[in-house]
């Protein structure tokens, strides 16, 4: 397998997850919705026209565990509308794998606060399902890479609010979780550098899909395109191998195993349930 680092990424894959809550003592969050929106680099370098050629994967999951009320309010996903959904299982991993294999390599997955939330959570979920670490590869057998749009936006903060001298005071993403493998309670930082706030600062309106996984992917995509070629050059030089990002938590017996293909949580009494924070 060729492990040489890429010179330029050909495809940028925007990722976002909605979850059953934030990690805390004794609580391991699960993914309730995952979205991948892939755009070729050539489309990102454009004249402002709509990005018509997009590849998308959007999947909802029954977490088979409690869903904290705060998470339900934010995402709109709860035990009722997830009742008939399949759990995150090995077929979900294969869906992601096959989706990525169809894209022109090399690939870089980008998520807001991805290094500290989405990527560690995804790797923890994959480990729970596969019972081992698992690395996605592209169609040429090379690793799938990842980067964090939060770091990108911080780097280009002076470009995100044209004409503003106060942009350097913007703060980090509202959800900052524990470092990989830490079990400490996550901290919530001030909101001005949340995805919604950055988007509103740049475009003057709230993005319509806030806190849906696909909607947040589209918002990140628009902001990256707003920064332009410099954002893509930054991504080319600031990335990690996705599978090398540490897991959010160490799975234990309480996390349970995925159900067999064709078996749904509500059929075996393992449906999720709503719970106060």
Protein backbone atom coordinates (compact mmCIF):
# COMPACT_ATOMS: atom_id res chain seq x y z
CA UNK A 1 0.00 0.00 0.00
CA UNK A 2 1.29 3.44 -0.93
CA UNK A 3 1.60 5.48 2.25
CA UNK A 4 3.10 8.62 0.68
CA UNK A 5 1.25 11.75 1.84
CA UNK A 6 -0.92 13.44 -0.78
CA UNK A 7 0.22 16.61 -2.51
CA UNK A 8 -3.33 17.83 -3.00
CA UNK A 9 -6.64 16.34 -2.00
CA UNK A 10 -8.93 15.64 -4.94
CA UNK A 11 -12.11 15.23 -2.90
CA UNK A 12 -13.21 17.02 0.26
CA UNK A 13 -15.76 15.07 2.31
CA UNK A 14 -17.75 17.16 4.79
CA UNK A 15 -18.87 15.15 7.81
CA UNK A 16 -21.23 15.88 10.68
CA UNK A 17 -22.90 13.77 13.34
CA UNK A 18 -25.89 14.24 15.60
CA UNK A 19 -25.65 12.27 18.81
CA UNK A 20 -27.51 11.03 21.86
CA UNK A 21 -25.66 13.54 24.03
CA UNK A 22 -22.24 14.75 25.12
CA UNK A 23 -19.80 12.38 26.83
CA UNK A 24 -19.73 12.47 30.58
CA UNK A 25 -18.99 10.25 33.52
CA UNK A 26 -20.63 6.91 32.85
CA UNK A 27 -22.26 8.07 29.60
CA UNK A 28 -20.99 7.06 26.17
CA UNK A 29 -22.81 8.96 23.42
CA UNK A 30 -24.01 7.24 20.28
CA UNK A 31 -24.45 8.57 16.77
CA UNK A 32 -28.10 9.21 15.91
CA UNK A 33 -27.44 10.74 12.48
CA UNK A 34 -24.40 10.80 10.22
CA UNK A 35 -23.95 12.79 7.03
CA UNK A 36 -21.16 12.78 4.46
CA UNK A 37 -21.24 15.34 1.66
CA UNK A 38 -18.44 14.91 -0.86
CA UNK A 39 -17.36 17.57 -3.35
CA UNK A 40 -14.53 17.39 -5.85
CA UNK A 41 -11.77 19.95 -5.47
CA UNK A 42 -12.46 21.32 -8.95
CA UNK A 43 -15.99 22.21 -7.86
CA UNK A 44 -14.76 24.01 -4.75
CA UNK A 45 -12.64 26.33 -6.90
CA UNK A 46 -15.47 28.12 -8.60
CA UNK A 47 -17.06 31.42 -9.47
CA UNK A 48 -19.77 31.33 -6.82
CA UNK A 49 -22.14 29.09 -8.74
CA UNK A 50 -24.04 26.45 -6.82
CA UNK A 51 -22.12 23.23 -6.19
CA UNK A 52 -24.38 20.93 -8.18
CA UNK A 53 -22.16 17.82 -8.27
CA UNK A 54 -22.36 16.54 -4.70
CA UNK A 55 -22.30 12.96 -3.43
CA UNK A 56 -24.18 12.41 -0.18
CA UNK A 57 -24.69 9.75 2.44
CA UNK A 58 -27.17 10.56 5.22
CA UNK A 59 -28.17 7.83 7.68
CA UNK A 60 -30.12 7.84 10.95
CA UNK A 61 -29.53 5.32 13.74
CA UNK A 62 -31.43 4.02 16.73
CA UNK A 63 -28.78 4.33 19.47
CA UNK A 64 -30.35 1.55 21.61
CA UNK A 65 -29.67 3.71 24.66
CA UNK A 66 -30.90 6.85 26.34
CA UNK A 67 -31.07 10.08 24.37
CA UNK A 68 -30.46 13.12 26.54
CA UNK A 69 -33.17 15.76 26.29
CA UNK A 70 -30.74 18.55 25.41
CA UNK A 71 -29.49 16.52 22.44
CA UNK A 72 -33.06 15.86 21.30
CA UNK A 73 -33.94 19.55 21.44
CA UNK A 74 -30.87 20.46 19.39
CA UNK A 75 -31.12 17.77 16.71
CA UNK A 76 -34.85 17.09 16.63
CA UNK A 77 -34.11 13.36 16.91
CA UNK A 78 -35.70 11.38 19.73
CA UNK A 79 -36.84 7.90 20.67
CA UNK A 80 -40.08 8.33 18.73
CA UNK A 81 -38.76 9.29 15.32
CA UNK A 82 -35.79 6.93 15.65
CA UNK A 83 -37.97 4.02 16.82
CA UNK A 84 -37.95 2.13 13.52
CA UNK A 85 -34.35 2.89 12.56
CA UNK A 86 -31.55 0.32 12.51
CA UNK A 87 -28.72 0.56 15.00
CA UNK A 88 -25.16 1.52 14.03
CA UNK A 89 -23.87 -1.86 12.89
CA UNK A 90 -21.30 -3.44 10.59
CA UNK A 91 -23.46 -2.64 7.57
CA UNK A 92 -23.29 1.05 8.51
CA UNK A 93 -19.50 0.80 8.49
CA UNK A 94 -19.67 -0.87 5.08
CA UNK A 95 -21.99 1.88 3.80
CA UNK A 96 -19.38 4.46 4.74
CA UNK A 97 -16.58 2.34 3.28
CA UNK A 98 -18.34 1.87 -0.06
CA UNK A 99 -19.31 5.55 -0.24
CA UNK A 100 -15.69 6.61 0.20
CA UNK A 101 -14.43 4.05 -2.31
CA UNK A 102 -16.46 5.74 -5.08
CA UNK A 103 -14.76 9.12 -4.66
CA UNK A 104 -11.73 10.41 -6.57
CA UNK A 105 -8.68 10.10 -4.30
CA UNK A 106 -6.94 11.31 -2.31
CA UNK A 107 -9.73 12.07 0.17
CA UNK A 108 -9.88 14.35 3.19
CA UNK A 109 -12.82 14.31 5.59
CA UNK A 110 -13.47 17.61 7.36
CA UNK A 111 -15.72 18.24 10.37
CA UNK A 112 -16.30 21.13 12.76
CA UNK A 113 -14.50 20.28 16.01
CA UNK A 114 -13.80 16.98 14.32
CA UNK A 115 -10.55 16.15 16.10
CA UNK A 116 -12.20 16.38 19.49
CA UNK A 117 -15.72 15.16 18.78
CA UNK A 118 -16.90 13.66 15.48
CA UNK A 119 -13.81 11.65 14.57
CA UNK A 120 -13.20 10.20 18.07
CA UNK A 121 -16.89 9.30 18.34
CA UNK A 122 -16.97 7.68 14.91
CA UNK A 123 -13.87 5.63 15.72
CA UNK A 124 -15.37 4.55 19.05
CA UNK A 125 -18.58 3.45 17.34
CA UNK A 126 -16.62 1.55 14.68
CA UNK A 127 -14.53 -0.18 17.35
CA UNK A 128 -17.68 -1.21 19.23
CA UNK A 129 -19.12 -2.72 16.06
CA UNK A 130 -15.98 -4.29 14.56
CA UNK A 131 -14.35 -5.13 17.92
CA UNK A 132 -11.09 -3.78 16.51
CA UNK A 133 -9.67 -0.60 15.07
CA UNK A 134 -10.63 -0.11 11.44
CA UNK A 135 -9.24 2.25 8.84
CA UNK A 136 -11.08 3.46 5.76
CA UNK A 137 -9.13 3.48 2.51
CA UNK A 138 -9.74 5.09 -0.86
CA UNK A 139 -10.13 3.25 -4.17
CA UNK A 140 -6.34 3.15 -4.62
CA UNK A 141 -5.69 1.60 -1.25
CA UNK A 142 -4.42 4.72 0.51
CA UNK A 143 -5.69 5.95 3.88
CA UNK A 144 -8.59 8.35 4.17
CA UNK A 145 -7.38 11.53 5.85
CA UNK A 146 -9.17 14.07 8.02
CA UNK A 147 -8.93 17.64 9.24
CA UNK A 148 -10.82 20.02 11.51
CA UNK A 149 -12.72 23.02 10.15
CA UNK A 150 -12.60 24.66 13.58
CA UNK A 151 -8.83 24.96 13.26
CA UNK A 152 -9.22 26.13 9.68
CA UNK A 153 -11.67 28.87 10.66
CA UNK A 154 -9.45 29.99 13.51
CA UNK A 155 -6.48 30.20 11.14
CA UNK A 156 -8.46 32.34 8.68
CA UNK A 157 -10.46 34.26 11.25
CA UNK A 158 -9.54 37.58 9.64
CA UNK A 159 -11.11 36.37 6.39
CA UNK A 160 -14.40 35.20 7.88
CA UNK A 161 -15.81 38.61 8.80
CA UNK A 162 -14.54 41.03 6.15
CA UNK A 163 -13.77 44.46 7.54
CA UNK A 164 -14.10 43.43 11.19
CA UNK A 165 -11.21 43.97 13.59
CA UNK A 166 -12.92 41.98 16.32
CA UNK A 167 -12.85 38.61 14.58
CA UNK A 168 -9.70 37.53 16.43
CA UNK A 169 -11.74 37.50 19.62
CA UNK A 170 -13.97 34.76 18.33
CA UNK A 171 -13.99 31.71 20.55
CA UNK A 172 -13.89 27.99 19.87
CA UNK A 173 -16.73 25.68 18.91
CA UNK A 174 -19.38 25.38 21.62
CA UNK A 175 -18.86 21.63 22.01
CA UNK A 176 -15.34 20.74 23.07
CA UNK A 177 -15.09 17.25 24.44
CA UNK A 178 -12.44 15.47 26.40
CA UNK A 179 -9.15 14.49 24.74
CA UNK A 180 -9.10 10.97 23.28
CA UNK A 181 -9.37 8.22 25.91
CA UNK A 182 -10.09 10.72 28.68
CA UNK A 183 -13.21 10.13 30.71
CA UNK A 184 -13.47 13.65 32.10
CA UNK A 185 -16.62 15.71 31.61
CA UNK A 186 -16.49 17.87 28.45
CA UNK A 187 -16.35 21.62 28.69
CA UNK A 188 -18.71 24.00 26.98
CA UNK A 189 -17.03 27.10 25.67
CA UNK A 190 -18.57 30.39 24.70
CA UNK A 191 -20.67 30.38 21.56
CA UNK A 192 -19.23 33.06 19.23
CA UNK A 193 -17.15 30.52 17.28
CA UNK A 194 -19.83 27.88 16.92
CA UNK A 195 -20.56 26.85 13.35
CA UNK A 196 -23.87 28.73 13.43
CA UNK A 197 -22.21 31.92 14.66
CA UNK A 198 -19.43 31.82 12.09
CA UNK A 199 -21.95 31.19 9.32
CA UNK A 200 -24.17 34.06 10.44
CA UNK A 201 -21.18 36.40 10.75
CA UNK A 202 -20.12 35.66 7.18
CA UNK A 203 -23.45 35.36 5.38
CA UNK A 204 -25.68 37.52 7.56
CA UNK A 205 -28.30 34.85 8.19
CA UNK A 206 -28.79 31.63 10.12
CA UNK A 207 -28.22 28.60 7.95
CA UNK A 208 -31.46 26.73 7.47
CA UNK A 209 -30.16 23.26 8.28
CA UNK A 210 -28.59 24.04 11.64
CA UNK A 211 -28.17 20.90 13.75
CA UNK A 212 -29.19 18.50 11.05
CA UNK A 213 -26.12 16.53 10.05
CA UNK A 214 -26.48 17.31 6.35
CA UNK A 215 -27.28 20.97 7.01
CA UNK A 216 -24.14 21.42 9.08
CA UNK A 217 -22.06 19.74 6.35
CA UNK A 218 -23.42 22.22 3.82
CA UNK A 219 -22.67 25.14 6.13
CA UNK A 220 -19.04 24.04 6.56
CA UNK A 221 -18.76 23.56 2.80
CA UNK A 222 -20.02 27.10 2.10
CA UNK A 223 -17.59 28.59 4.61
CA UNK A 224 -14.63 26.68 3.17
CA UNK A 225 -15.60 27.86 -0.29
CA UNK A 226 -15.95 31.42 1.00
CA UNK A 227 -12.32 31.36 2.15
CA UNK A 228 -11.37 29.93 -1.23
CA UNK A 229 -8.12 28.49 -2.55
CA UNK A 230 -6.27 29.34 0.65
CA UNK A 231 -8.58 27.05 2.60
CA UNK A 232 -7.85 24.16 0.25
CA UNK A 233 -4.11 24.80 0.50
CA UNK A 234 -4.42 24.81 4.29
CA UNK A 235 -6.24 21.46 4.19
CA UNK A 236 -3.48 20.05 1.95
CA UNK A 237 -0.97 20.79 4.70
CA UNK A 238 -2.97 20.16 7.88
CA UNK A 239 -4.41 16.67 8.15
CA UNK A 240 -4.19 13.33 9.94
CA UNK A 241 -5.05 9.78 9.01
CA UNK A 242 -8.67 9.35 10.09
CA UNK A 243 -8.16 5.97 11.75
CA UNK A 244 -5.26 7.37 13.82
CA UNK A 245 -7.52 9.78 15.71
CA UNK A 246 -8.03 8.36 19.20
CA UNK A 247 -11.39 6.95 20.24
CA UNK A 248 -13.66 9.12 22.38
CA UNK A 249 -14.08 6.34 24.94
CA UNK A 250 -13.09 2.77 25.61
CA UNK A 251 -16.04 0.50 24.93
CA UNK A 252 -17.21 -1.78 27.71
CA UNK A 253 -19.95 -4.36 28.25
CA UNK A 254 -22.51 -1.65 28.90
CA UNK A 255 -22.08 -0.39 25.33
CA UNK A 256 -23.48 -3.62 23.95
CA UNK A 257 -23.03 -5.24 20.57
CA UNK A 258 -24.68 -4.39 17.25
CA UNK A 259 -27.72 -6.37 16.19
CA UNK A 260 -27.53 -8.82 13.29
CA UNK A 261 -28.46 -7.63 9.82
CA UNK A 262 -32.25 -7.67 9.43
CA UNK A 263 -32.94 -7.29 13.14
CA UNK A 264 -34.21 -3.96 14.45
CA UNK A 265 -33.86 -2.62 18.01
CA UNK A 266 -37.60 -2.19 18.62
CA UNK A 267 -38.18 -5.84 17.67
CA UNK A 268 -35.99 -7.13 20.48
CA UNK A 269 -36.77 -4.60 23.20
CA UNK A 270 -33.59 -2.56 22.74
CA UNK A 271 -35.12 0.67 21.46
CA UNK A 272 -33.77 3.99 22.66
CA UNK A 273 -35.51 6.10 25.28
CA UNK A 274 -35.58 9.79 26.12
CA UNK A 275 -33.90 10.89 29.31
CA UNK A 276 -33.47 14.22 31.14
CA UNK A 277 -29.91 15.53 31.24
